[in-house]
Amino acid sequence: MNHIPEGNREESPAALVQRLVLPFKNLLLLRRALTHRSYVNEHQEALEDNERLEFLGDAILDFVAGAWLYNHFPEMAEGELTRMRSALVCTEQLAEFARAFDLGSAMRLGHGEDQAGGRQKDVLLCATFEAVIGALYLQSDIATIQRLVHPMLEQVSEQIILSSDSRDPKSRLQEWSQGKRLGIPKYVTVTISGPDHQRMFEIEVQINGKAYGRGSGHNKQVAERAAAQAALEAIEKS
């Protein structure tokens, strides 16, 4: 990815659009999305910062991530969907998305904020990413946002699932089954469907020979976690 030329302090909105191939027609709207309140405080000609666009982008990302998770993980329970969405749109993750786009190079910051390393701060990067999403939505439609965001969600979602050891439903289910002296849960593959590049696994978790829940996913680990989560929820309701 190209960065701003050496010696320039800030990438222009036009250069950002060209570099990222973003469908912006109104560059003033993009300029506003890149403008932090510290810049407005130091420049009387700047009429508005990006906080309203940040508010809009936050709501849009919540919806896009929620809808993507709902369709991508059809067997995932509501509680796990909520946790996953929170992880996908948290400040740290959105800041990483902003870094992938090198939005820090184009942020309009006040001198003090710039000198304090504002272009690398998670909070500012996250806010700028949300504001750009809000501005892009006003310029286009939700389908455009989905085409931009879905590949990023795809890239990080399964890693988020697999890295959440402290809330791993498989571990919690095994603790419960061993506490009840029922042995260790067994995960049985029920079906494998789809083409080679897009496999879908359906897995059933059994404890002491009894089926407790099923789950599906694009690999066995994800499907097993979904099955364990389904089993935990069934246990809680029984």
C-alpha atoms as a PDB file:
ATOM      1  CA  MET A   1       0.000   0.000   0.000  1.00  0.00           C
ATOM      2  CA  ASN A   2       1.378   3.416  -0.927  1.00  0.00           C
ATOM      3  CA  HIS A   3       1.945   5.988   1.796  1.00  0.00           C
ATOM      4  CA  ILE A   4       2.127   9.766   1.671  1.00  0.00           C
ATOM      5  CA  PRO A   5       5.282  11.122   0.031  1.00  0.00           C
ATOM      6  CA  GLU A   6       8.180  11.825   2.379  1.00  0.00           C
ATOM      7  CA  GLY A   7       8.101  15.399   3.624  1.00  0.00           C
ATOM      8  CA  ASN A   8       4.301  15.746   3.398  1.00  0.00           C
ATOM      9  CA  ARG A   9       2.504  15.833   6.722  1.00  0.00           C
ATOM     10  CA  GLU A  10      -0.915  14.841   5.502  1.00  0.00           C
ATOM     11  CA  GLU A  11      -2.384  12.884   2.616  1.00  0.00           C
ATOM     12  CA  SER A  12      -5.121  14.789   0.785  1.00  0.00           C
ATOM     13  CA  PRO A  13      -8.657  13.373   0.512  1.00  0.00           C
ATOM     14  CA  ALA A  14      -8.235  13.187  -3.273  1.00  0.00           C
ATOM     15  CA  ALA A  15      -5.044  11.156  -2.912  1.00  0.00           C
ATOM     16  CA  LEU A  16      -6.724   8.875  -0.363  1.00  0.00           C
ATOM     17  CA  VAL A  17      -9.628   8.224  -2.723  1.00  0.00           C
ATOM     18  CA  GLN A  18      -7.238   7.406  -5.547  1.00  0.00           C
ATOM     19  CA  ARG A  19      -5.070   5.136  -3.399  1.00  0.00           C
ATOM     20  CA  LEU A  20      -7.937   3.136  -1.913  1.00  0.00           C
ATOM     21  CA  VAL A  21     -10.250   3.384  -4.956  1.00  0.00           C
ATOM     22  CA  LEU A  22     -13.113   4.695  -2.832  1.00  0.00           C
ATOM     23  CA  PRO A  23     -16.334   5.790  -4.610  1.00  0.00           C
ATOM     24  CA  PHE A  24     -16.343   9.340  -3.231  1.00  0.00           C
ATOM     25  CA  LYS A  25     -17.728  12.146  -5.381  1.00  0.00           C
ATOM     26  CA  ASN A  26     -18.026  14.730  -2.583  1.00  0.00           C
ATOM     27  CA  LEU A  27     -14.490  15.214  -1.306  1.00  0.00           C
ATOM     28  CA  LEU A  28     -15.686  17.826   1.189  1.00  0.00           C
ATOM     29  CA  LEU A  29     -17.654  15.112   2.937  1.00  0.00           C
ATOM     30  CA  LEU A  30     -14.574  12.889   3.076  1.00  0.00           C
ATOM     31  CA  ARG A  31     -12.513  15.835   4.326  1.00  0.00           C
ATOM     32  CA  ARG A  32     -14.986  16.254   7.177  1.00  0.00           C
ATOM     33  CA  ALA A  33     -14.733  12.539   7.981  1.00  0.00           C
ATOM     34  CA  LEU A  34     -10.971  12.938   8.354  1.00  0.00           C
ATOM     35  CA  THR A  35     -11.167  16.060  10.531  1.00  0.00           C
ATOM     36  CA  HIS A  36     -10.612  15.648  14.265  1.00  0.00           C
ATOM     37  CA  ARG A  37     -11.977  18.260  16.660  1.00  0.00           C
ATOM     38  CA  SER A  38      -8.417  19.297  17.556  1.00  0.00           C
ATOM     39  CA  TYR A  39      -8.004  20.534  13.978  1.00  0.00           C
ATOM     40  CA  VAL A  40     -11.240  22.552  14.145  1.00  0.00           C
ATOM     41  CA  ASN A  41     -10.052  24.149  17.392  1.00  0.00           C
ATOM     42  CA  GLU A  42      -6.936  25.441  15.640  1.00  0.00           C
ATOM     43  CA  HIS A  43      -8.445  26.372  12.244  1.00  0.00           C
ATOM     44  CA  GLN A  44     -11.353  28.807  12.160  1.00  0.00           C
ATOM     45  CA  GLU A  45     -12.096  27.980   8.531  1.00  0.00           C
ATOM     46  CA  ALA A  46     -12.884  24.344   9.430  1.00  0.00           C
ATOM     47  CA  LEU A  47     -16.587  24.386  10.245  1.00  0.00           C
ATOM     48  CA  GLU A  48     -17.224  20.831  11.432  1.00  0.00           C
ATOM     49  CA  ASP A  49     -15.339  17.868  12.846  1.00  0.00           C
ATOM     50  CA  ASN A  50     -16.051  14.181  12.182  1.00  0.00           C
ATOM     51  CA  GLU A  51     -17.999  13.326  15.340  1.00  0.00           C
ATOM     52  CA  ARG A  52     -21.460  13.222  13.730  1.00  0.00           C
ATOM     53  CA  LEU A  53     -20.144  11.038  10.907  1.00  0.00           C
ATOM     54  CA  GLU A  54     -18.444   8.865  13.521  1.00  0.00           C
ATOM     55  CA  PHE A  55     -21.831   8.363  15.209  1.00  0.00           C
ATOM     56  CA  LEU A  56     -23.400   7.321  11.896  1.00  0.00           C
ATOM     57  CA  GLY A  57     -20.532   5.019  10.946  1.00  0.00           C
ATOM     58  CA  ASP A  58     -20.642   3.303  14.338  1.00  0.00           C
ATOM     59  CA  ALA A  59     -24.316   2.404  13.816  1.00  0.00           C
ATOM     60  CA  ILE A  60     -23.691   1.217  10.249  1.00  0.00           C
ATOM     61  CA  LEU A  61     -20.775  -0.999  11.268  1.00  0.00           C
ATOM     62  CA  ASP A  62     -22.860  -2.530  14.068  1.00  0.00           C
ATOM     63  CA  PHE A  63     -25.528  -3.434  11.509  1.00  0.00           C
ATOM     64  CA  VAL A  64     -23.148  -4.683   8.821  1.00  0.00           C
ATOM     65  CA  ALA A  65     -21.161  -6.823  11.280  1.00  0.00           C
ATOM     66  CA  GLY A  66     -24.339  -8.176  12.890  1.00  0.00           C
ATOM     67  CA  ALA A  67     -25.936  -9.094   9.577  1.00  0.00           C
ATOM     68  CA  TRP A  68     -22.716 -10.670   8.320  1.00  0.00           C
ATOM     69  CA  LEU A  69     -22.384 -12.793  11.456  1.00  0.00           C
ATOM     70  CA  TYR A  70     -26.040 -13.843  11.299  1.00  0.00           C
ATOM     71  CA  ASN A  71     -25.632 -15.098   7.740  1.00  0.00           C
ATOM     72  CA  HIS A  72     -22.097 -16.446   8.110  1.00  0.00           C
ATOM     73  CA  PHE A  73     -22.639 -18.463  11.280  1.00  0.00           C
ATOM     74  CA  PRO A  74     -26.200 -19.827  10.986  1.00  0.00           C
ATOM     75  CA  GLU A  75     -25.918 -22.066  14.055  1.00  0.00           C
ATOM     76  CA  MET A  76     -24.263 -19.543  16.367  1.00  0.00           C
ATOM     77  CA  ALA A  77     -26.388 -18.602  19.373  1.00  0.00           C
ATOM     78  CA  GLU A  78     -27.510 -15.047  20.090  1.00  0.00           C
ATOM     79  CA  GLY A  79     -25.138 -14.572  23.002  1.00  0.00           C
ATOM     80  CA  GLU A  80     -22.135 -15.670  20.975  1.00  0.00           C
ATOM     81  CA  LEU A  81     -23.237 -13.498  18.034  1.00  0.00           C
ATOM     82  CA  THR A  82     -23.364 -10.497  20.343  1.00  0.00           C
ATOM     83  CA  ARG A  83     -19.896 -11.250  21.719  1.00  0.00           C
ATOM     84  CA  MET A  84     -18.486 -11.703  18.226  1.00  0.00           C
ATOM     85  CA  ARG A  85     -20.009  -8.451  16.974  1.00  0.00           C
ATOM     86  CA  SER A  86     -18.555  -6.590  19.945  1.00  0.00           C
ATOM     87  CA  ALA A  87     -15.116  -8.007  19.170  1.00  0.00           C
ATOM     88  CA  LEU A  88     -15.356  -7.160  15.465  1.00  0.00           C
ATOM     89  CA  VAL A  89     -16.325  -3.515  16.018  1.00  0.00           C
ATOM     90  CA  CYS A  90     -14.359  -2.775  19.195  1.00  0.00           C
ATOM     91  CA  THR A  91     -11.999   0.196  19.248  1.00  0.00           C
ATOM     92  CA  GLU A  92      -8.859  -1.905  18.883  1.00  0.00           C
ATOM     93  CA  GLN A  93     -10.152  -3.895  15.911  1.00  0.00           C
ATOM     94  CA  LEU A  94     -11.485  -0.870  14.023  1.00  0.00           C
ATOM     95  CA  ALA A  95      -8.156   0.841  14.635  1.00  0.00           C
ATOM     96  CA  GLU A  96      -6.463  -2.119  12.958  1.00  0.00           C
ATOM     97  CA  PHE A  97      -8.805  -1.764   9.985  1.00  0.00           C
ATOM     98  CA  ALA A  98      -7.859   1.925   9.833  1.00  0.00           C
ATOM     99  CA  ARG A  99      -4.169   1.009   9.893  1.00  0.00           C
ATOM    100  CA  ALA A 100      -4.713  -1.439   7.036  1.00  0.00           C
ATOM    101  CA  PHE A 101      -6.015   1.522   5.011  1.00  0.00           C
ATOM    102  CA  ASP A 102      -3.295   3.813   6.395  1.00  0.00           C
ATOM    103  CA  LEU A 103      -5.962   6.339   7.386  1.00  0.00           C
ATOM    104  CA  GLY A 104      -3.552   7.878   9.871  1.00  0.00           C
ATOM    105  CA  SER A 105      -1.712   9.509   6.979  1.00  0.00           C
ATOM    106  CA  ALA A 106      -4.857  11.386   5.942  1.00  0.00           C
ATOM    107  CA  MET A 107      -6.231  12.404   9.355  1.00  0.00           C
ATOM    108  CA  ARG A 108      -6.576  16.164   9.888  1.00  0.00           C
ATOM    109  CA  LEU A 109      -5.256  16.796  13.384  1.00  0.00           C
ATOM    110  CA  GLY A 110      -4.404  19.835  15.396  1.00  0.00           C
ATOM    111  CA  HIS A 111      -0.685  20.482  15.807  1.00  0.00           C
ATOM    112  CA  GLY A 112      -0.630  19.401  19.443  1.00  0.00           C
ATOM    113  CA  GLU A 113      -2.526  16.166  18.765  1.00  0.00           C
ATOM    114  CA  ASP A 114      -0.293  15.419  15.789  1.00  0.00           C
ATOM    115  CA  GLN A 115       2.852  15.989  17.851  1.00  0.00           C
ATOM    116  CA  ALA A 116       1.431  13.717  20.568  1.00  0.00           C
ATOM    117  CA  GLY A 117       1.255  10.804  18.128  1.00  0.00           C
ATOM    118  CA  GLY A 118      -2.441  11.094  17.311  1.00  0.00           C
ATOM    119  CA  ARG A 119      -2.005   9.333  13.974  1.00  0.00           C
ATOM    120  CA  GLN A 120      -1.130   6.132  15.824  1.00  0.00           C
ATOM    121  CA  LYS A 121      -3.727   6.290  18.624  1.00  0.00           C
ATOM    122  CA  ASP A 122      -6.344   3.531  18.574  1.00  0.00           C
ATOM    123  CA  VAL A 123      -9.134   5.858  19.696  1.00  0.00           C
ATOM    124  CA  LEU A 124      -8.517   8.384  16.917  1.00  0.00           C
ATOM    125  CA  LEU A 125      -7.966   5.743  14.239  1.00  0.00           C
ATOM    126  CA  CYS A 126     -11.176   3.966  15.235  1.00  0.00           C
ATOM    127  CA  ALA A 127     -13.159   7.215  15.186  1.00  0.00           C
ATOM    128  CA  THR A 128     -11.767   8.141  11.777  1.00  0.00           C
ATOM    129  CA  PHE A 129     -12.580   4.732  10.329  1.00  0.00           C
ATOM    130  CA  GLU A 130     -16.159   5.000  11.628  1.00  0.00           C
ATOM    131  CA  ALA A 131     -16.486   8.523  10.218  1.00  0.00           C
ATOM    132  CA  VAL A 132     -15.219   7.446   6.787  1.00  0.00           C
ATOM    133  CA  ILE A 133     -17.737   4.596   6.780  1.00  0.00           C
ATOM    134  CA  GLY A 134     -20.487   7.068   7.698  1.00  0.00           C
ATOM    135  CA  ALA A 135     -19.452   9.441   4.923  1.00  0.00           C
ATOM    136  CA  LEU A 136     -19.189   6.623   2.393  1.00  0.00           C
ATOM    137  CA  TYR A 137     -22.694   5.476   3.285  1.00  0.00           C
ATOM    138  CA  LEU A 138     -24.041   8.993   2.620  1.00  0.00           C
ATOM    139  CA  GLN A 139     -22.260   8.912  -0.746  1.00  0.00           C
ATOM    140  CA  SER A 140     -23.433   5.446  -1.792  1.00  0.00           C
ATOM    141  CA  ASP A 141     -25.465   2.711  -0.071  1.00  0.00           C
ATOM    142  CA  ILE A 142     -25.241  -0.148   2.387  1.00  0.00           C
ATOM    143  CA  ALA A 143     -24.171  -2.594  -0.341  1.00  0.00           C
ATOM    144  CA  THR A 144     -21.053  -0.499  -0.985  1.00  0.00           C
ATOM    145  CA  ILE A 145     -20.192  -0.602   2.714  1.00  0.00           C
ATOM    146  CA  GLN A 146     -20.688  -4.364   2.759  1.00  0.00           C
ATOM    147  CA  ARG A 147     -18.348  -4.874  -0.207  1.00  0.00           C
ATOM    148  CA  LEU A 148     -15.688  -2.871   1.595  1.00  0.00           C
ATOM    149  CA  VAL A 149     -16.116  -4.310   5.099  1.00  0.00           C
ATOM    150  CA  HIS A 150     -17.020  -7.972   4.520  1.00  0.00           C
ATOM    151  CA  PRO A 151     -13.503  -9.040   3.415  1.00  0.00           C
ATOM    152  CA  MET A 152     -12.078  -7.486   6.582  1.00  0.00           C
ATOM    153  CA  LEU A 153     -14.609  -9.301   8.760  1.00  0.00           C
ATOM    154  CA  GLU A 154     -13.822 -12.553   6.955  1.00  0.00           C
ATOM    155  CA  GLN A 155     -10.125 -12.101   7.616  1.00  0.00           C
ATOM    156  CA  VAL A 156     -10.373 -11.611  11.384  1.00  0.00           C
ATOM    157  CA  SER A 157     -13.566 -13.376  12.508  1.00  0.00           C
ATOM    158  CA  GLU A 158     -12.349 -16.944  12.920  1.00  0.00           C
ATOM    159  CA  GLN A 159      -9.176 -15.777  14.649  1.00  0.00           C
ATOM    160  CA  ILE A 160     -11.344 -13.881  17.132  1.00  0.00           C
ATOM    161  CA  ILE A 161     -13.337 -17.051  17.764  1.00  0.00           C
ATOM    162  CA  LEU A 162     -10.269 -19.215  18.232  1.00  0.00           C
ATOM    163  CA  SER A 163      -8.390 -16.734  20.428  1.00  0.00           C
ATOM    164  CA  SER A 164     -11.133 -16.275  23.031  1.00  0.00           C
ATOM    165  CA  ASP A 165      -9.850 -19.012  25.340  1.00  0.00           C
ATOM    166  CA  SER A 166     -11.264 -17.471  28.506  1.00  0.00           C
ATOM    167  CA  ARG A 167     -14.783 -17.692  27.085  1.00  0.00           C
ATOM    168  CA  ASP A 168     -14.290 -20.860  25.043  1.00  0.00           C
ATOM    169  CA  PRO A 169     -17.585 -22.806  25.130  1.00  0.00           C
ATOM    170  CA  LYS A 170     -15.740 -26.106  24.559  1.00  0.00           C
ATOM    171  CA  SER A 171     -13.770 -25.613  27.769  1.00  0.00           C
ATOM    172  CA  ARG A 172     -16.873 -24.599  29.699  1.00  0.00           C
ATOM    173  CA  LEU A 173     -18.794 -27.616  28.394  1.00  0.00           C
ATOM    174  CA  GLN A 174     -15.981 -30.002  29.330  1.00  0.00           C
ATOM    175  CA  GLU A 175     -15.817 -28.512  32.829  1.00  0.00           C
ATOM    176  CA  TRP A 176     -19.571 -29.069  33.205  1.00  0.00           C
ATOM    177  CA  SER A 177     -19.514 -32.644  31.894  1.00  0.00           C
ATOM    178  CA  GLN A 178     -16.581 -33.654  34.067  1.00  0.00           C
ATOM    179  CA  GLY A 179     -18.179 -31.953  37.043  1.00  0.00           C
ATOM    180  CA  LYS A 180     -21.245 -34.136  36.459  1.00  0.00           C
ATOM    181  CA  ARG A 181     -18.975 -37.186  36.034  1.00  0.00           C
ATOM    182  CA  LEU A 182     -20.257 -37.713  32.504  1.00  0.00           C
ATOM    183  CA  GLY A 183     -16.852 -37.883  30.845  1.00  0.00           C
ATOM    184  CA  ILE A 184     -15.332 -35.744  28.099  1.00  0.00           C
ATOM    185  CA  PRO A 185     -17.552 -34.374  25.288  1.00  0.00           C
ATOM    186  CA  LYS A 186     -17.145 -36.086  21.919  1.00  0.00           C
ATOM    187  CA  TYR A 187     -17.489 -34.075  18.676  1.00  0.00           C
ATOM    188  CA  VAL A 188     -18.906 -36.031  15.741  1.00  0.00           C
ATOM    189  CA  THR A 189     -18.959 -34.721  12.172  1.00  0.00           C
ATOM    190  CA  VAL A 190     -22.513 -35.071  10.852  1.00  0.00           C
ATOM    191  CA  THR A 191     -22.172 -33.582   7.357  1.00  0.00           C
ATOM    192  CA  ILE A 192     -19.597 -31.867   5.158  1.00  0.00           C
ATOM    193  CA  SER A 193     -21.059 -29.801   2.344  1.00  0.00           C
ATOM    194  CA  GLY A 194     -20.033 -27.168  -0.194  1.00  0.00           C
ATOM    195  CA  PRO A 195     -17.182 -26.921  -2.719  1.00  0.00           C
ATOM    196  CA  ASP A 196     -13.571 -27.513  -1.696  1.00  0.00           C
ATOM    197  CA  HIS A 197     -12.839 -23.795  -1.252  1.00  0.00           C
ATOM    198  CA  GLN A 198     -15.972 -23.177   0.849  1.00  0.00           C
ATOM    199  CA  ARG A 199     -16.575 -26.248   2.981  1.00  0.00           C
ATOM    200  CA  MET A 200     -19.317 -26.203   5.612  1.00  0.00           C
ATOM    201  CA  PHE A 201     -19.030 -28.633   8.538  1.00  0.00           C
ATOM    202  CA  GLU A 202     -21.938 -29.651  10.746  1.00  0.00           C
ATOM    203  CA  ILE A 203     -20.856 -31.200  14.033  1.00  0.00           C
ATOM    204  CA  GLU A 204     -22.761 -32.755  16.907  1.00  0.00           C
ATOM    205  CA  VAL A 205     -21.419 -32.805  20.450  1.00  0.00           C
ATOM    206  CA  GLN A 206     -22.204 -35.943  22.468  1.00  0.00           C
ATOM    207  CA  ILE A 207     -21.701 -36.536  26.176  1.00  0.00           C
ATOM    208  CA  ASN A 208     -21.937 -40.044  27.568  1.00  0.00           C
ATOM    209  CA  GLY A 209     -23.573 -41.165  24.312  1.00  0.00           C
ATOM    210  CA  LYS A 210     -26.260 -38.460  24.348  1.00  0.00           C
ATOM    211  CA  ALA A 211     -26.474 -35.619  21.800  1.00  0.00           C
ATOM    212  CA  TYR A 212     -26.419 -32.189  23.442  1.00  0.00           C
ATOM    213  CA  GLY A 213     -26.084 -29.749  20.544  1.00  0.00           C
ATOM    214  CA  ARG A 214     -25.113 -29.138  16.937  1.00  0.00           C
ATOM    215  CA  GLY A 215     -23.137 -26.403  15.244  1.00  0.00           C
ATOM    216  CA  SER A 216     -21.753 -25.520  11.834  1.00  0.00           C
ATOM    217  CA  GLY A 217     -18.858 -23.507  10.467  1.00  0.00           C
ATOM    218  CA  HIS A 218     -16.295 -23.203   7.715  1.00  0.00           C
ATOM    219  CA  ASN A 219     -13.850 -25.405   9.601  1.00  0.00           C
ATOM    220  CA  LYS A 220     -14.178 -28.064  12.282  1.00  0.00           C
ATOM    221  CA  GLN A 221     -12.911 -25.861  15.098  1.00  0.00           C
ATOM    222  CA  VAL A 222     -15.566 -23.213  14.489  1.00  0.00           C
ATOM    223  CA  ALA A 223     -18.295 -25.858  14.108  1.00  0.00           C
ATOM    224  CA  GLU A 224     -17.235 -27.567  17.345  1.00  0.00           C
ATOM    225  CA  ARG A 225     -17.365 -24.284  19.248  1.00  0.00           C
ATOM    226  CA  ALA A 226     -20.833 -23.581  17.865  1.00  0.00           C
ATOM    227  CA  ALA A 227     -21.971 -27.070  18.899  1.00  0.00           C
ATOM    228  CA  ALA A 228     -20.553 -26.585  22.400  1.00  0.00           C
ATOM    229  CA  GLN A 229     -22.296 -23.214  22.710  1.00  0.00           C
ATOM    230  CA  ALA A 230     -25.588 -24.774  21.603  1.00  0.00           C
ATOM    231  CA  ALA A 231     -25.115 -27.530  24.192  1.00  0.00           C
ATOM    232  CA  LEU A 232     -24.433 -25.026  26.976  1.00  0.00           C
ATOM    233  CA  GLU A 233     -27.580 -23.093  26.121  1.00  0.00           C
ATOM    234  CA  ALA A 234     -29.634 -26.291  26.039  1.00  0.00           C
ATOM    235  CA  ILE A 235     -28.236 -27.237  29.454  1.00  0.00           C
ATOM    236  CA  GLU A 236     -29.094 -23.819  30.886  1.00  0.00           C
ATOM    237  CA  LYS A 237     -32.694 -24.172  29.688  1.00  0.00           C
ATOM    238  CA  SER A 238     -33.159 -27.710  31.007  1.00  0.00           C
END
